[in-house]
Amino acid sequence: MSNISAMSPLLTYAIAATLVLYVLAMGLGLLRLLRGPSAQDRVLALDFIYVVGMLVMLVLAIRYDSSMYFEGAFLMVLFGFVGSLALAKFLLRGEVIE
C-alpha cells in the first residue's frame, strides 16, 4: 500500500473533484428515480446510479491504491446488470421466472 502523502497534489485535487461530481450525478439520478414519471425512467435511473457507484469505487481504488475496490466494483456491476435484466423482463412480460 502506497503512502497517501506520496500522491501529487494535482492527483489529490482531481480525485476530490471527481468524487464531488459523482455524488452530484448520483443525486440527480436519485431525483429521477424518485420522480419518475414512468417505470422505465426509474429503471434507467437505477442503472445510472449503480454505474456511477461503480465509478466511485474505481476512483477510490486509485485513491487508496487497493485492489479490493476493483473487486467490489466488478461485483457491483455484475449484480446491477443481472438486476437490470430482471427488471426489464418484468416490465416487458409481467413475470421474471417462466
N, C-alpha and C. Protein backbone atom coordinates (compact mmCIF):
# COMPACT_ATOMS: atom_id res chain seq x y z
N MET A 1 0.85 -1.17 0.00
CA MET A 1 0.00 0.00 0.00
C MET A 1 0.90 1.23 0.00
N SER A 2 0.60 2.15 -0.89
CA SER A 2 1.45 3.32 -1.01
C SER A 2 1.09 4.36 0.04
N ASN A 3 2.01 5.23 0.28
CA ASN A 3 1.80 6.31 1.22
C ASN A 3 0.90 7.35 0.58
N ILE A 4 -0.15 7.78 1.28
CA ILE A 4 -1.11 8.73 0.72
C ILE A 4 -0.45 10.06 0.43
N SER A 5 0.53 10.45 1.25
CA SER A 5 1.20 11.73 1.02
C SER A 5 2.11 11.68 -0.20
N ALA A 6 2.35 10.49 -0.78
CA ALA A 6 3.22 10.37 -1.94
C ALA A 6 2.50 10.77 -3.23
N MET A 7 1.17 10.92 -3.19
CA MET A 7 0.43 11.33 -4.38
C MET A 7 0.70 12.80 -4.67
N SER A 8 0.68 13.13 -5.94
CA SER A 8 0.88 14.52 -6.30
C SER A 8 -0.33 15.35 -5.90
N PRO A 9 -0.15 16.61 -5.62
CA PRO A 9 -1.28 17.46 -5.24
C PRO A 9 -2.34 17.55 -6.34
N LEU A 10 -1.90 17.53 -7.60
CA LEU A 10 -2.86 17.59 -8.70
C LEU A 10 -3.76 16.36 -8.71
N LEU A 11 -3.19 15.19 -8.48
CA LEU A 11 -3.99 13.97 -8.43
C LEU A 11 -4.94 13.99 -7.24
N THR A 12 -4.50 14.50 -6.13
CA THR A 12 -5.36 14.59 -4.94
C THR A 12 -6.56 15.49 -5.21
N TYR A 13 -6.33 16.65 -5.83
CA TYR A 13 -7.43 17.56 -6.14
C TYR A 13 -8.34 16.99 -7.22
N ALA A 14 -7.77 16.31 -8.20
CA ALA A 14 -8.58 15.72 -9.27
C ALA A 14 -9.49 14.62 -8.72
N ILE A 15 -8.97 13.81 -7.82
CA ILE A 15 -9.78 12.75 -7.21
C ILE A 15 -10.90 13.36 -6.39
N ALA A 16 -10.59 14.39 -5.61
CA ALA A 16 -11.62 15.03 -4.79
C ALA A 16 -12.71 15.66 -5.67
N ALA A 17 -12.31 16.34 -6.73
CA ALA A 17 -13.29 16.95 -7.63
C ALA A 17 -14.14 15.89 -8.33
N THR A 18 -13.51 14.80 -8.72
CA THR A 18 -14.24 13.71 -9.38
C THR A 18 -15.28 13.12 -8.45
N LEU A 19 -14.90 12.89 -7.21
CA LEU A 19 -15.85 12.31 -6.26
C LEU A 19 -17.02 13.25 -5.98
N VAL A 20 -16.75 14.55 -5.89
CA VAL A 20 -17.82 15.52 -5.68
C VAL A 20 -18.79 15.52 -6.86
N LEU A 21 -18.25 15.49 -8.08
CA LEU A 21 -19.10 15.47 -9.26
C LEU A 21 -19.90 14.17 -9.37
N TYR A 22 -19.30 13.06 -8.98
CA TYR A 22 -20.03 11.78 -8.99
C TYR A 22 -21.17 11.79 -7.97
N VAL A 23 -20.93 12.38 -6.81
CA VAL A 23 -22.00 12.48 -5.81
C VAL A 23 -23.13 13.35 -6.35
N LEU A 24 -22.80 14.43 -7.02
CA LEU A 24 -23.82 15.28 -7.64
C LEU A 24 -24.61 14.50 -8.69
N ALA A 25 -23.91 13.72 -9.51
CA ALA A 25 -24.58 12.91 -10.53
C ALA A 25 -25.49 11.87 -9.90
N MET A 26 -25.04 11.26 -8.81
CA MET A 26 -25.89 10.28 -8.13
C MET A 26 -27.12 10.94 -7.53
N GLY A 27 -26.97 12.16 -7.04
CA GLY A 27 -28.12 12.89 -6.52
C GLY A 27 -29.15 13.18 -7.60
N LEU A 28 -28.68 13.57 -8.78
CA LEU A 28 -29.60 13.81 -9.90
C LEU A 28 -30.27 12.51 -10.33
N GLY A 29 -29.52 11.41 -10.33
CA GLY A 29 -30.11 10.11 -10.65
C GLY A 29 -31.15 9.69 -9.62
N LEU A 30 -30.87 9.98 -8.36
CA LEU A 30 -31.84 9.66 -7.30
C LEU A 30 -33.12 10.49 -7.46
N LEU A 31 -32.96 11.73 -7.87
CA LEU A 31 -34.12 12.58 -8.12
C LEU A 31 -34.99 11.99 -9.24
N ARG A 32 -34.36 11.53 -10.32
CA ARG A 32 -35.10 10.91 -11.41
C ARG A 32 -35.73 9.59 -10.96
N LEU A 33 -35.03 8.86 -10.10
CA LEU A 33 -35.57 7.60 -9.59
C LEU A 33 -36.83 7.84 -8.77
N LEU A 34 -36.85 8.90 -7.99
CA LEU A 34 -38.00 9.17 -7.13
C LEU A 34 -39.16 9.82 -7.88
N ARG A 35 -38.85 10.66 -8.86
CA ARG A 35 -39.89 11.42 -9.54
C ARG A 35 -40.52 10.69 -10.71
N GLY A 36 -39.81 9.76 -11.32
CA GLY A 36 -40.42 9.03 -12.43
C GLY A 36 -40.22 9.73 -13.76
N PRO A 37 -41.19 9.89 -14.58
CA PRO A 37 -42.63 9.64 -14.46
C PRO A 37 -43.05 8.21 -14.75
N SER A 38 -42.24 7.44 -15.46
CA SER A 38 -42.66 6.07 -15.78
C SER A 38 -41.71 5.07 -15.14
N ALA A 39 -42.12 3.81 -15.16
CA ALA A 39 -41.28 2.75 -14.58
C ALA A 39 -39.99 2.59 -15.37
N GLN A 40 -40.03 2.81 -16.67
CA GLN A 40 -38.82 2.70 -17.48
C GLN A 40 -37.81 3.78 -17.11
N ASP A 41 -38.29 4.98 -16.80
CA ASP A 41 -37.40 6.05 -16.35
C ASP A 41 -36.74 5.68 -15.02
N ARG A 42 -37.49 5.07 -14.16
CA ARG A 42 -36.96 4.69 -12.85
C ARG A 42 -35.90 3.58 -12.99
N VAL A 43 -36.14 2.62 -13.88
CA VAL A 43 -35.16 1.55 -14.10
C VAL A 43 -33.88 2.13 -14.69
N LEU A 44 -34.03 3.04 -15.64
CA LEU A 44 -32.86 3.67 -16.24
C LEU A 44 -32.08 4.49 -15.21
N ALA A 45 -32.79 5.18 -14.32
CA ALA A 45 -32.13 5.94 -13.26
C ALA A 45 -31.39 5.02 -12.31
N LEU A 46 -31.98 3.86 -12.01
CA LEU A 46 -31.30 2.89 -11.15
C LEU A 46 -30.04 2.36 -11.81
N ASP A 47 -30.09 2.09 -13.10
CA ASP A 47 -28.90 1.67 -13.84
C ASP A 47 -27.82 2.74 -13.79
N PHE A 48 -28.23 3.99 -13.97
CA PHE A 48 -27.29 5.10 -13.92
C PHE A 48 -26.63 5.20 -12.56
N ILE A 49 -27.41 5.02 -11.50
CA ILE A 49 -26.87 5.14 -10.16
C ILE A 49 -25.85 4.04 -9.87
N TYR A 50 -26.14 2.81 -10.29
CA TYR A 50 -25.15 1.76 -9.99
C TYR A 50 -23.90 1.91 -10.85
N VAL A 51 -24.02 2.44 -12.06
CA VAL A 51 -22.82 2.66 -12.87
C VAL A 51 -21.96 3.77 -12.26
N VAL A 52 -22.58 4.83 -11.80
CA VAL A 52 -21.82 5.91 -11.15
C VAL A 52 -21.22 5.40 -9.83
N GLY A 53 -21.95 4.55 -9.12
CA GLY A 53 -21.40 3.94 -7.91
C GLY A 53 -20.16 3.11 -8.21
N MET A 54 -20.20 2.40 -9.33
CA MET A 54 -19.03 1.63 -9.74
C MET A 54 -17.86 2.56 -10.05
N LEU A 55 -18.13 3.68 -10.69
CA LEU A 55 -17.07 4.64 -10.98
C LEU A 55 -16.49 5.23 -9.70
N VAL A 56 -17.33 5.46 -8.71
CA VAL A 56 -16.84 5.94 -7.41
C VAL A 56 -15.90 4.91 -6.80
N MET A 57 -16.28 3.64 -6.89
CA MET A 57 -15.41 2.58 -6.35
C MET A 57 -14.06 2.55 -7.07
N LEU A 58 -14.06 2.76 -8.38
CA LEU A 58 -12.81 2.75 -9.13
C LEU A 58 -11.93 3.95 -8.76
N VAL A 59 -12.54 5.11 -8.56
CA VAL A 59 -11.76 6.28 -8.15
C VAL A 59 -11.18 6.06 -6.75
N LEU A 60 -11.96 5.45 -5.86
CA LEU A 60 -11.44 5.15 -4.53
C LEU A 60 -10.31 4.12 -4.59
N ALA A 61 -10.39 3.20 -5.54
CA ALA A 61 -9.30 2.23 -5.72
C ALA A 61 -8.01 2.93 -6.10
N ILE A 62 -8.12 3.93 -6.96
CA ILE A 62 -6.94 4.70 -7.33
C ILE A 62 -6.44 5.51 -6.14
N ARG A 63 -7.37 6.10 -5.41
CA ARG A 63 -7.02 6.96 -4.27
C ARG A 63 -6.28 6.19 -3.18
N TYR A 64 -6.79 5.01 -2.85
CA TYR A 64 -6.21 4.24 -1.75
C TYR A 64 -5.29 3.12 -2.22
N ASP A 65 -5.08 3.01 -3.53
CA ASP A 65 -4.16 2.02 -4.09
C ASP A 65 -4.48 0.61 -3.58
N SER A 66 -5.75 0.23 -3.73
CA SER A 66 -6.21 -1.06 -3.21
C SER A 66 -6.98 -1.81 -4.28
N SER A 67 -6.66 -3.07 -4.44
CA SER A 67 -7.37 -3.89 -5.44
C SER A 67 -8.74 -4.34 -4.93
N MET A 68 -9.00 -4.22 -3.65
CA MET A 68 -10.30 -4.63 -3.11
C MET A 68 -11.42 -3.78 -3.70
N TYR A 69 -11.17 -2.53 -3.96
CA TYR A 69 -12.17 -1.66 -4.57
C TYR A 69 -12.50 -2.11 -5.99
N PHE A 70 -11.49 -2.58 -6.72
CA PHE A 70 -11.74 -3.07 -8.07
C PHE A 70 -12.64 -4.30 -8.04
N GLU A 71 -12.40 -5.19 -7.09
CA GLU A 71 -13.25 -6.37 -6.96
C GLU A 71 -14.67 -5.99 -6.57
N GLY A 72 -14.80 -5.01 -5.67
CA GLY A 72 -16.13 -4.54 -5.28
C GLY A 72 -16.85 -3.89 -6.45
N ALA A 73 -16.14 -3.14 -7.27
CA ALA A 73 -16.75 -2.50 -8.44
C ALA A 73 -17.21 -3.56 -9.44
N PHE A 74 -16.41 -4.61 -9.62
CA PHE A 74 -16.80 -5.68 -10.53
C PHE A 74 -18.07 -6.37 -10.05
N LEU A 75 -18.14 -6.68 -8.77
CA LEU A 75 -19.33 -7.32 -8.23
C LEU A 75 -20.55 -6.40 -8.32
N MET A 76 -20.35 -5.11 -8.09
CA MET A 76 -21.45 -4.15 -8.18
C MET A 76 -22.03 -4.14 -9.59
N VAL A 77 -21.17 -4.11 -10.60
CA VAL A 77 -21.65 -4.09 -11.98
C VAL A 77 -22.29 -5.42 -12.36
N LEU A 78 -21.73 -6.51 -11.89
CA LEU A 78 -22.30 -7.82 -12.21
C LEU A 78 -23.71 -7.95 -11.65
N PHE A 79 -23.90 -7.62 -10.39
CA PHE A 79 -25.24 -7.72 -9.78
C PHE A 79 -26.19 -6.66 -10.36
N GLY A 80 -25.69 -5.49 -10.68
CA GLY A 80 -26.53 -4.47 -11.28
C GLY A 80 -27.03 -4.88 -12.65
N PHE A 81 -26.17 -5.52 -13.43
CA PHE A 81 -26.58 -5.98 -14.77
C PHE A 81 -27.64 -7.05 -14.67
N VAL A 82 -27.45 -8.00 -13.78
CA VAL A 82 -28.45 -9.06 -13.60
C VAL A 82 -29.76 -8.47 -13.10
N GLY A 83 -29.69 -7.52 -12.19
CA GLY A 83 -30.90 -6.87 -11.71
C GLY A 83 -31.61 -6.08 -12.80
N SER A 84 -30.84 -5.44 -13.67
CA SER A 84 -31.44 -4.69 -14.78
C SER A 84 -32.14 -5.63 -15.75
N LEU A 85 -31.53 -6.78 -16.01
CA LEU A 85 -32.18 -7.75 -16.89
C LEU A 85 -33.49 -8.25 -16.28
N ALA A 86 -33.48 -8.51 -15.00
CA ALA A 86 -34.70 -8.99 -14.35
C ALA A 86 -35.79 -7.92 -14.37
N LEU A 87 -35.43 -6.68 -14.11
CA LEU A 87 -36.41 -5.59 -14.15
C LEU A 87 -36.95 -5.38 -15.56
N ALA A 88 -36.09 -5.45 -16.56
CA ALA A 88 -36.54 -5.27 -17.94
C ALA A 88 -37.49 -6.39 -18.34
N LYS A 89 -37.17 -7.61 -17.96
CA LYS A 89 -38.05 -8.73 -18.28
C LYS A 89 -39.39 -8.59 -17.56
N PHE A 90 -39.35 -8.13 -16.33
CA PHE A 90 -40.60 -7.93 -15.58
C PHE A 90 -41.45 -6.84 -16.23
N LEU A 91 -40.83 -5.75 -16.67
CA LEU A 91 -41.59 -4.67 -17.29
C LEU A 91 -42.17 -5.09 -18.63
N LEU A 92 -41.47 -5.97 -19.35
CA LEU A 92 -41.98 -6.42 -20.65
C LEU A 92 -43.08 -7.45 -20.52
N ARG A 93 -42.90 -8.43 -19.63
CA ARG A 93 -43.81 -9.57 -19.58
C ARG A 93 -44.65 -9.67 -18.31
N GLY A 94 -44.28 -8.94 -17.27
CA GLY A 94 -45.02 -9.03 -16.03
C GLY A 94 -44.59 -10.17 -15.12
N GLU A 95 -43.57 -10.91 -15.55
CA GLU A 95 -43.04 -12.00 -14.73
C GLU A 95 -41.55 -12.12 -14.99
N VAL A 96 -40.82 -12.62 -14.02
CA VAL A 96 -39.38 -12.77 -14.17
C VAL A 96 -39.03 -14.21 -14.49
N ILE A 97 -39.65 -15.15 -13.78
CA ILE A 97 -39.36 -16.57 -13.99
C ILE A 97 -40.53 -17.19 -14.74
N GLU A 98 -40.21 -17.88 -15.83
CA GLU A 98 -41.26 -18.50 -16.63
C GLU A 98 -41.52 -19.93 -16.19
